[in-house]
Amino acid sequence: MDVADGIDRAGTRRLPVWGFLAVVVAYLVVLQGLGALLTRGIDAKYAAPSTADQVWRSITVPVGASLLLGVLVVAYLRWWRPVLVDDRPVRRWVLAVPVIQLVAIALMVNYGGLAERGLGFTALLLLSALFVGFGEELMFRGVGVTAFRANGFSEGKVALWTTVIFGVVHASNLFSEGVGAFAQVFAAALSGYFFYLGRRVGGGLLLPAVVHGLWDFSLISGSVVPGESYPLTMISFLALIVLTVLVLVRREHVEA
């Protein structure tokens, strides 16, 4: 067992950083390609579905396929343990990061809008958002973190580069959303680092995947009623500011 990266060299395959980047490109092709194909000819705005048909076309199927790709990659590499489990402890205060995220989620959810859409719609949207959480965490905080660790990067650079790549990946929304996607890139990069801390403090991928999925569910819920403005979505930005300040103040006291 290699102590530096937690990978049993005899039982796993190696993945260079360029190989991880190639996997990310394939992930984007599946996600964006299927999304574009299934939503062709229908009025489906990005992350703003108002019918169950729009949910499964724009989120469930494309994200589900990209999640399956991530599972196949992990299975091929035989990286189940290092992807799903994190043995590098952090200090207790880091638990405040997912706690703040969960509080923000509870406040942000558009309960009235979801009630208007109905139980079936809400259940499908929740499932689809969890697909997003597990798919993106498996790819970036799972395969990405493990790949950078296995290639000898320090933990600080592991956090940095997986965060940067996660943010840049969201620039693919420029094709559908225009320059407004730049704000998504910045917010995604910040969130990516907080999800990385969630992986560390939770001892693995489950905590950040669930928080990530619920975070997206709460954000999307604010746009499920066409033409209705939902101001509580701004809580997400306030939460990111609070988390950024907290991490900057405590940045020297992360590692246990």
C-alpha atoms as a PDB file:
ATOM      1  CA  MET A   1       0.000   0.000   0.000  1.00  0.00           C
ATOM      2  CA  ASP A   2       1.413   3.400  -0.992  1.00  0.00           C
ATOM      3  CA  VAL A   3       0.946   5.639   2.059  1.00  0.00           C
ATOM      4  CA  ALA A   4       1.149   8.809  -0.050  1.00  0.00           C
ATOM      5  CA  ASP A   5      -1.920   8.158  -2.110  1.00  0.00           C
ATOM      6  CA  GLY A   6      -3.704   5.251  -0.450  1.00  0.00           C
ATOM      7  CA  ILE A   7      -3.610   3.102  -3.581  1.00  0.00           C
ATOM      8  CA  ASP A   8      -2.504  -0.515  -3.726  1.00  0.00           C
ATOM      9  CA  ARG A   9      -0.231  -0.502  -6.764  1.00  0.00           C
ATOM     10  CA  ALA A  10      -0.628  -4.254  -7.300  1.00  0.00           C
ATOM     11  CA  GLY A  11      -4.401  -4.094  -7.574  1.00  0.00           C
ATOM     12  CA  THR A  12      -5.093  -0.828  -9.398  1.00  0.00           C
ATOM     13  CA  ARG A  13      -4.330   0.900 -12.669  1.00  0.00           C
ATOM     14  CA  ARG A  14      -2.533   4.206 -12.985  1.00  0.00           C
ATOM     15  CA  LEU A  15      -4.093   7.335 -14.453  1.00  0.00           C
ATOM     16  CA  PRO A  16      -1.834  10.262 -15.372  1.00  0.00           C
ATOM     17  CA  VAL A  17      -3.169  13.797 -15.007  1.00  0.00           C
ATOM     18  CA  TRP A  18      -3.594  14.110 -18.780  1.00  0.00           C
ATOM     19  CA  GLY A  19      -5.608  10.890 -18.635  1.00  0.00           C
ATOM     20  CA  PHE A  20      -7.913  12.406 -16.023  1.00  0.00           C
ATOM     21  CA  LEU A  21      -8.349  15.484 -18.230  1.00  0.00           C
ATOM     22  CA  ALA A  22      -9.265  13.181 -21.141  1.00  0.00           C
ATOM     23  CA  VAL A  23     -11.870  11.478 -18.932  1.00  0.00           C
ATOM     24  CA  VAL A  24     -13.284  14.904 -18.029  1.00  0.00           C
ATOM     25  CA  VAL A  25     -13.615  15.763 -21.732  1.00  0.00           C
ATOM     26  CA  ALA A  26     -15.452  12.486 -22.344  1.00  0.00           C
ATOM     27  CA  TYR A  27     -17.671  13.245 -19.355  1.00  0.00           C
ATOM     28  CA  LEU A  28     -18.554  16.649 -20.839  1.00  0.00           C
ATOM     29  CA  VAL A  29     -19.243  15.177 -24.277  1.00  0.00           C
ATOM     30  CA  VAL A  30     -21.708  12.709 -22.770  1.00  0.00           C
ATOM     31  CA  LEU A  31     -23.339  15.297 -20.503  1.00  0.00           C
ATOM     32  CA  GLN A  32     -23.608  18.186 -22.952  1.00  0.00           C
ATOM     33  CA  GLY A  33     -24.188  16.021 -26.022  1.00  0.00           C
ATOM     34  CA  LEU A  34     -27.079  14.067 -24.570  1.00  0.00           C
ATOM     35  CA  GLY A  35     -28.534  17.218 -23.036  1.00  0.00           C
ATOM     36  CA  ALA A  36     -28.479  19.039 -26.367  1.00  0.00           C
ATOM     37  CA  LEU A  37     -29.920  16.030 -28.197  1.00  0.00           C
ATOM     38  CA  LEU A  38     -32.783  15.406 -25.792  1.00  0.00           C
ATOM     39  CA  THR A  39     -33.791  19.059 -25.410  1.00  0.00           C
ATOM     40  CA  ARG A  40     -33.666  19.881 -29.112  1.00  0.00           C
ATOM     41  CA  GLY A  41     -36.893  21.530 -30.195  1.00  0.00           C
ATOM     42  CA  ILE A  42     -38.300  22.064 -26.704  1.00  0.00           C
ATOM     43  CA  ASP A  43     -38.282  25.190 -24.563  1.00  0.00           C
ATOM     44  CA  ALA A  44     -35.983  24.058 -21.756  1.00  0.00           C
ATOM     45  CA  LYS A  45     -33.840  26.698 -20.071  1.00  0.00           C
ATOM     46  CA  TYR A  46     -30.642  25.732 -18.256  1.00  0.00           C
ATOM     47  CA  ALA A  47     -31.337  24.521 -14.685  1.00  0.00           C
ATOM     48  CA  ALA A  48     -34.917  25.841 -14.868  1.00  0.00           C
ATOM     49  CA  PRO A  49     -37.251  22.935 -15.690  1.00  0.00           C
ATOM     50  CA  SER A  50     -40.950  23.496 -15.120  1.00  0.00           C
ATOM     51  CA  THR A  51     -42.275  20.078 -16.197  1.00  0.00           C
ATOM     52  CA  ALA A  52     -41.257  16.497 -15.508  1.00  0.00           C
ATOM     53  CA  ASP A  53     -40.551  16.078 -19.228  1.00  0.00           C
ATOM     54  CA  GLN A  54     -38.009  18.894 -19.103  1.00  0.00           C
ATOM     55  CA  VAL A  55     -36.419  17.434 -15.963  1.00  0.00           C
ATOM     56  CA  TRP A  56     -35.691  14.010 -17.415  1.00  0.00           C
ATOM     57  CA  ARG A  57     -34.577  15.404 -20.768  1.00  0.00           C
ATOM     58  CA  SER A  58     -32.268  18.128 -19.456  1.00  0.00           C
ATOM     59  CA  ILE A  59     -31.023  16.574 -16.204  1.00  0.00           C
ATOM     60  CA  THR A  60     -31.990  12.976 -15.372  1.00  0.00           C
ATOM     61  CA  VAL A  61     -30.822  11.167 -18.498  1.00  0.00           C
ATOM     62  CA  PRO A  62     -27.728  13.249 -19.419  1.00  0.00           C
ATOM     63  CA  VAL A  63     -26.469  13.395 -15.821  1.00  0.00           C
ATOM     64  CA  GLY A  64     -27.361   9.766 -15.208  1.00  0.00           C
ATOM     65  CA  ALA A  65     -25.295   8.765 -18.255  1.00  0.00           C
ATOM     66  CA  SER A  66     -22.322  10.848 -17.083  1.00  0.00           C
ATOM     67  CA  LEU A  67     -22.629   9.269 -13.609  1.00  0.00           C
ATOM     68  CA  LEU A  68     -22.526   5.833 -15.228  1.00  0.00           C
ATOM     69  CA  LEU A  69     -19.390   6.858 -17.116  1.00  0.00           C
ATOM     70  CA  GLY A  70     -17.760   7.844 -13.817  1.00  0.00           C
ATOM     71  CA  VAL A  71     -18.690   4.496 -12.261  1.00  0.00           C
ATOM     72  CA  LEU A  72     -17.189   2.643 -15.240  1.00  0.00           C
ATOM     73  CA  VAL A  73     -13.967   4.658 -14.971  1.00  0.00           C
ATOM     74  CA  VAL A  74     -13.612   3.877 -11.270  1.00  0.00           C
ATOM     75  CA  ALA A  75     -14.364   0.199 -11.913  1.00  0.00           C
ATOM     76  CA  TYR A  76     -11.766   0.041 -14.703  1.00  0.00           C
ATOM     77  CA  LEU A  77      -9.119   1.691 -12.522  1.00  0.00           C
ATOM     78  CA  ARG A  78     -10.152  -0.403  -9.483  1.00  0.00           C
ATOM     79  CA  TRP A  79     -10.099   2.760  -7.411  1.00  0.00           C
ATOM     80  CA  TRP A  80     -13.189   2.113  -5.301  1.00  0.00           C
ATOM     81  CA  ARG A  81     -11.601   2.620  -1.904  1.00  0.00           C
ATOM     82  CA  PRO A  82      -9.447   5.705  -2.609  1.00  0.00           C
ATOM     83  CA  VAL A  83     -12.328   7.321  -4.494  1.00  0.00           C
ATOM     84  CA  LEU A  84     -15.017   6.585  -1.916  1.00  0.00           C
ATOM     85  CA  VAL A  85     -12.992   6.790   1.310  1.00  0.00           C
ATOM     86  CA  ASP A  86     -10.716   9.589   2.549  1.00  0.00           C
ATOM     87  CA  ASP A  87      -8.269   8.741   5.323  1.00  0.00           C
ATOM     88  CA  ARG A  88      -6.741  12.212   5.639  1.00  0.00           C
ATOM     89  CA  PRO A  89      -8.328  13.792   8.732  1.00  0.00           C
ATOM     90  CA  VAL A  90      -8.994  17.489   9.209  1.00  0.00           C
ATOM     91  CA  ARG A  91      -9.764  19.543  12.306  1.00  0.00           C
ATOM     92  CA  ARG A  92     -13.249  19.542  13.766  1.00  0.00           C
ATOM     93  CA  TRP A  93     -14.098  23.120  12.773  1.00  0.00           C
ATOM     94  CA  VAL A  94     -14.171  22.039   9.095  1.00  0.00           C
ATOM     95  CA  LEU A  95     -17.494  20.330   9.856  1.00  0.00           C
ATOM     96  CA  ALA A  96     -18.930  23.867   9.896  1.00  0.00           C
ATOM     97  CA  VAL A  97     -18.558  23.953   6.094  1.00  0.00           C
ATOM     98  CA  PRO A  98     -21.198  21.303   5.235  1.00  0.00           C
ATOM     99  CA  VAL A  99     -23.347  22.449   8.169  1.00  0.00           C
ATOM    100  CA  ILE A 100     -23.506  25.999   6.762  1.00  0.00           C
ATOM    101  CA  GLN A 101     -24.278  24.588   3.329  1.00  0.00           C
ATOM    102  CA  LEU A 102     -27.140  22.482   4.723  1.00  0.00           C
ATOM    103  CA  VAL A 103     -28.612  25.453   6.591  1.00  0.00           C
ATOM    104  CA  ALA A 104     -28.476  27.527   3.393  1.00  0.00           C
ATOM    105  CA  ILE A 105     -30.163  24.696   1.484  1.00  0.00           C
ATOM    106  CA  ALA A 106     -33.025  24.496   3.986  1.00  0.00           C
ATOM    107  CA  LEU A 107     -33.574  28.244   3.663  1.00  0.00           C
ATOM    108  CA  MET A 108     -33.271  28.340  -0.146  1.00  0.00           C
ATOM    109  CA  VAL A 109     -35.686  25.600  -1.181  1.00  0.00           C
ATOM    110  CA  ASN A 110     -38.719  27.013  -2.971  1.00  0.00           C
ATOM    111  CA  TYR A 111     -41.273  24.964  -1.056  1.00  0.00           C
ATOM    112  CA  GLY A 112     -44.246  26.824  -2.507  1.00  0.00           C
ATOM    113  CA  GLY A 113     -43.070  26.469  -6.094  1.00  0.00           C
ATOM    114  CA  LEU A 114     -42.396  22.759  -5.663  1.00  0.00           C
ATOM    115  CA  ALA A 115     -45.839  22.265  -4.107  1.00  0.00           C
ATOM    116  CA  GLU A 116     -47.330  23.972  -7.155  1.00  0.00           C
ATOM    117  CA  ARG A 117     -45.430  21.640  -9.486  1.00  0.00           C
ATOM    118  CA  GLY A 118     -46.561  18.524  -7.619  1.00  0.00           C
ATOM    119  CA  LEU A 119     -45.067  15.550  -5.774  1.00  0.00           C
ATOM    120  CA  GLY A 120     -44.055  13.594  -8.872  1.00  0.00           C
ATOM    121  CA  PHE A 121     -42.166  16.541 -10.322  1.00  0.00           C
ATOM    122  CA  THR A 122     -40.470  17.261  -6.983  1.00  0.00           C
ATOM    123  CA  ALA A 123     -39.387  13.636  -6.498  1.00  0.00           C
ATOM    124  CA  LEU A 124     -37.942  13.443 -10.018  1.00  0.00           C
ATOM    125  CA  LEU A 125     -36.127  16.754  -9.567  1.00  0.00           C
ATOM    126  CA  LEU A 126     -34.677  15.612  -6.226  1.00  0.00           C
ATOM    127  CA  LEU A 127     -33.486  12.329  -7.732  1.00  0.00           C
ATOM    128  CA  SER A 128     -31.981  14.158 -10.707  1.00  0.00           C
ATOM    129  CA  ALA A 129     -30.207  16.685  -8.477  1.00  0.00           C
ATOM    130  CA  LEU A 130     -28.738  13.826  -6.438  1.00  0.00           C
ATOM    131  CA  PHE A 131     -27.517  12.329  -9.730  1.00  0.00           C
ATOM    132  CA  VAL A 132     -25.705  15.635 -10.270  1.00  0.00           C
ATOM    133  CA  GLY A 133     -24.218  15.529  -6.788  1.00  0.00           C
ATOM    134  CA  PHE A 134     -23.001  11.957  -7.002  1.00  0.00           C
ATOM    135  CA  GLY A 135     -21.873  12.281 -10.638  1.00  0.00           C
ATOM    136  CA  GLU A 136     -19.817  15.426 -10.186  1.00  0.00           C
ATOM    137  CA  GLU A 137     -18.381  14.372  -6.837  1.00  0.00           C
ATOM    138  CA  LEU A 138     -17.418  10.957  -8.208  1.00  0.00           C
ATOM    139  CA  MET A 139     -15.647  12.591 -11.134  1.00  0.00           C
ATOM    140  CA  PHE A 140     -13.934  15.559  -9.469  1.00  0.00           C
ATOM    141  CA  ARG A 141     -13.612  14.886  -5.729  1.00  0.00           C
ATOM    142  CA  GLY A 142     -13.345  11.155  -6.438  1.00  0.00           C
ATOM    143  CA  VAL A 143     -11.387  10.340  -9.593  1.00  0.00           C
ATOM    144  CA  GLY A 144      -9.794  13.800  -9.756  1.00  0.00           C
ATOM    145  CA  VAL A 145      -8.547  13.908  -6.172  1.00  0.00           C
ATOM    146  CA  THR A 146      -7.287  10.325  -6.390  1.00  0.00           C
ATOM    147  CA  ALA A 147      -5.509  10.956  -9.695  1.00  0.00           C
ATOM    148  CA  PHE A 148      -3.656  14.024  -8.439  1.00  0.00           C
ATOM    149  CA  ARG A 149      -2.711  12.263  -5.216  1.00  0.00           C
ATOM    150  CA  ALA A 150      -1.486   9.198  -7.095  1.00  0.00           C
ATOM    151  CA  ASN A 151       0.679  11.399  -9.296  1.00  0.00           C
ATOM    152  CA  GLY A 152       2.527  12.850  -6.320  1.00  0.00           C
ATOM    153  CA  PHE A 153       0.845  16.237  -5.903  1.00  0.00           C
ATOM    154  CA  SER A 154       0.827  17.803  -2.449  1.00  0.00           C
ATOM    155  CA  GLU A 155      -2.587  17.964  -0.783  1.00  0.00           C
ATOM    156  CA  GLY A 156      -2.711  21.731  -1.270  1.00  0.00           C
ATOM    157  CA  LYS A 157      -2.209  21.302  -5.020  1.00  0.00           C
ATOM    158  CA  VAL A 158      -4.699  18.440  -5.114  1.00  0.00           C
ATOM    159  CA  ALA A 159      -7.313  20.794  -3.659  1.00  0.00           C
ATOM    160  CA  LEU A 160      -6.263  23.671  -5.938  1.00  0.00           C
ATOM    161  CA  TRP A 161      -6.217  21.859  -9.267  1.00  0.00           C
ATOM    162  CA  THR A 162      -9.353  19.802  -8.776  1.00  0.00           C
ATOM    163  CA  THR A 163     -11.121  23.009  -7.752  1.00  0.00           C
ATOM    164  CA  VAL A 164      -9.855  24.917 -10.798  1.00  0.00           C
ATOM    165  CA  ILE A 165     -10.798  22.108 -13.180  1.00  0.00           C
ATOM    166  CA  PHE A 166     -14.248  21.838 -11.637  1.00  0.00           C
ATOM    167  CA  GLY A 167     -14.771  25.563 -12.151  1.00  0.00           C
ATOM    168  CA  VAL A 168     -13.465  25.556 -15.722  1.00  0.00           C
ATOM    169  CA  VAL A 169     -15.723  22.634 -16.645  1.00  0.00           C
ATOM    170  CA  HIS A 170     -18.716  24.846 -15.920  1.00  0.00           C
ATOM    171  CA  ALA A 171     -17.486  27.214 -18.627  1.00  0.00           C
ATOM    172  CA  SER A 172     -19.029  24.716 -21.055  1.00  0.00           C
ATOM    173  CA  ASN A 173     -22.335  26.403 -20.180  1.00  0.00           C
ATOM    174  CA  LEU A 174     -21.115  29.431 -22.149  1.00  0.00           C
ATOM    175  CA  PHE A 175     -22.525  27.727 -25.242  1.00  0.00           C
ATOM    176  CA  SER A 176     -26.036  27.718 -23.798  1.00  0.00           C
ATOM    177  CA  GLU A 177     -25.978  30.587 -21.298  1.00  0.00           C
ATOM    178  CA  GLY A 178     -23.552  33.127 -22.787  1.00  0.00           C
ATOM    179  CA  VAL A 179     -21.339  35.367 -20.651  1.00  0.00           C
ATOM    180  CA  GLY A 180     -23.600  34.808 -17.653  1.00  0.00           C
ATOM    181  CA  ALA A 181     -21.872  31.433 -17.249  1.00  0.00           C
ATOM    182  CA  PHE A 182     -18.714  33.187 -15.986  1.00  0.00           C
ATOM    183  CA  ALA A 183     -20.449  33.768 -12.658  1.00  0.00           C
ATOM    184  CA  GLN A 184     -21.240  30.041 -12.582  1.00  0.00           C
ATOM    185  CA  VAL A 185     -17.550  29.262 -13.155  1.00  0.00           C
ATOM    186  CA  PHE A 186     -16.504  31.360 -10.157  1.00  0.00           C
ATOM    187  CA  ALA A 187     -19.276  30.046  -7.904  1.00  0.00           C
ATOM    188  CA  ALA A 188     -18.561  26.466  -8.985  1.00  0.00           C
ATOM    189  CA  ALA A 189     -14.864  26.832  -8.221  1.00  0.00           C
ATOM    190  CA  LEU A 190     -15.617  28.100  -4.711  1.00  0.00           C
ATOM    191  CA  SER A 191     -18.205  25.392  -4.146  1.00  0.00           C
ATOM    192  CA  GLY A 192     -15.774  22.785  -5.443  1.00  0.00           C
ATOM    193  CA  TYR A 193     -13.279  23.626  -2.727  1.00  0.00           C
ATOM    194  CA  PHE A 194     -15.967  23.493  -0.060  1.00  0.00           C
ATOM    195  CA  PHE A 195     -17.082  20.080  -1.354  1.00  0.00           C
ATOM    196  CA  TYR A 196     -13.432  18.986  -1.178  1.00  0.00           C
ATOM    197  CA  LEU A 197     -13.400  19.991   2.497  1.00  0.00           C
ATOM    198  CA  GLY A 198     -16.666  18.065   2.885  1.00  0.00           C
ATOM    199  CA  ARG A 199     -14.936  14.972   1.520  1.00  0.00           C
ATOM    200  CA  ARG A 200     -12.120  15.383   4.021  1.00  0.00           C
ATOM    201  CA  VAL A 201     -14.272  16.031   7.092  1.00  0.00           C
ATOM    202  CA  GLY A 202     -16.834  13.387   6.113  1.00  0.00           C
ATOM    203  CA  GLY A 203     -14.192  10.730   5.567  1.00  0.00           C
ATOM    204  CA  GLY A 204     -15.250  10.084   1.991  1.00  0.00           C
ATOM    205  CA  LEU A 205     -17.485  10.923  -0.929  1.00  0.00           C
ATOM    206  CA  LEU A 206     -20.949  10.376   0.563  1.00  0.00           C
ATOM    207  CA  LEU A 207     -21.250  13.640   2.530  1.00  0.00           C
ATOM    208  CA  PRO A 208     -20.185  16.036  -0.267  1.00  0.00           C
ATOM    209  CA  ALA A 209     -22.238  14.107  -2.844  1.00  0.00           C
ATOM    210  CA  VAL A 210     -25.440  14.427  -0.796  1.00  0.00           C
ATOM    211  CA  VAL A 211     -24.786  18.084   0.113  1.00  0.00           C
ATOM    212  CA  HIS A 212     -23.918  18.864  -3.524  1.00  0.00           C
ATOM    213  CA  GLY A 213     -27.120  17.246  -4.778  1.00  0.00           C
ATOM    214  CA  LEU A 214     -29.298  19.045  -2.235  1.00  0.00           C
ATOM    215  CA  TRP A 215     -27.528  22.335  -2.986  1.00  0.00           C
ATOM    216  CA  ASP A 216     -28.368  22.022  -6.685  1.00  0.00           C
ATOM    217  CA  PHE A 217     -31.915  20.913  -5.839  1.00  0.00           C
ATOM    218  CA  SER A 218     -32.470  24.032  -3.763  1.00  0.00           C
ATOM    219  CA  LEU A 219     -31.038  26.296  -6.468  1.00  0.00           C
ATOM    220  CA  ILE A 220     -33.080  24.736  -9.272  1.00  0.00           C
ATOM    221  CA  SER A 221     -36.247  24.847  -7.157  1.00  0.00           C
ATOM    222  CA  GLY A 222     -36.115  28.631  -7.353  1.00  0.00           C
ATOM    223  CA  SER A 223     -36.708  28.489 -11.112  1.00  0.00           C
ATOM    224  CA  VAL A 224     -39.416  25.835 -11.448  1.00  0.00           C
ATOM    225  CA  VAL A 225     -42.286  28.302 -11.804  1.00  0.00           C
ATOM    226  CA  PRO A 226     -41.953  30.172 -15.131  1.00  0.00           C
ATOM    227  CA  GLY A 227     -41.946  33.943 -14.811  1.00  0.00           C
ATOM    228  CA  GLU A 228     -41.706  33.856 -11.018  1.00  0.00           C
ATOM    229  CA  SER A 229     -38.778  35.545  -9.300  1.00  0.00           C
ATOM    230  CA  TYR A 230     -37.474  33.739  -6.226  1.00  0.00           C
ATOM    231  CA  PRO A 231     -35.197  36.052  -4.207  1.00  0.00           C
ATOM    232  CA  LEU A 232     -34.132  33.468  -1.604  1.00  0.00           C
ATOM    233  CA  THR A 233     -31.763  32.006  -4.199  1.00  0.00           C
ATOM    234  CA  MET A 234     -29.452  34.851  -3.173  1.00  0.00           C
ATOM    235  CA  ILE A 235     -28.816  32.963   0.066  1.00  0.00           C
ATOM    236  CA  SER A 236     -26.435  30.768  -1.925  1.00  0.00           C
ATOM    237  CA  PHE A 237     -24.181  33.761  -2.590  1.00  0.00           C
ATOM    238  CA  LEU A 238     -24.321  34.837   1.053  1.00  0.00           C
ATOM    239  CA  ALA A 239     -23.388  31.298   2.108  1.00  0.00           C
ATOM    240  CA  LEU A 240     -20.433  31.272  -0.294  1.00  0.00           C
ATOM    241  CA  ILE A 241     -19.229  34.592   1.140  1.00  0.00           C
ATOM    242  CA  VAL A 242     -19.530  33.314   4.743  1.00  0.00           C
ATOM    243  CA  LEU A 243     -17.712  30.101   3.848  1.00  0.00           C
ATOM    244  CA  THR A 244     -14.970  31.951   1.982  1.00  0.00           C
ATOM    245  CA  VAL A 245     -14.318  34.254   4.946  1.00  0.00           C
ATOM    246  CA  LEU A 246     -14.360  31.299   7.355  1.00  0.00           C
ATOM    247  CA  VAL A 247     -11.873  29.298   5.295  1.00  0.00           C
ATOM    248  CA  LEU A 248      -9.571  32.279   4.744  1.00  0.00           C
ATOM    249  CA  VAL A 249      -9.473  32.985   8.480  1.00  0.00           C
ATOM    250  CA  ARG A 250      -8.893  29.323   9.370  1.00  0.00           C
ATOM    251  CA  ARG A 251      -6.783  28.310   6.339  1.00  0.00           C
ATOM    252  CA  GLU A 252      -3.718  27.522   8.494  1.00  0.00           C
ATOM    253  CA  HIS A 253      -5.752  25.216  10.697  1.00  0.00           C
ATOM    254  CA  VAL A 254      -7.279  22.697   8.277  1.00  0.00           C
ATOM    255  CA  GLU A 255      -4.984  19.694   8.569  1.00  0.00           C
ATOM    256  CA  ALA A 256      -5.351  17.606  11.724  1.00  0.00           C
END
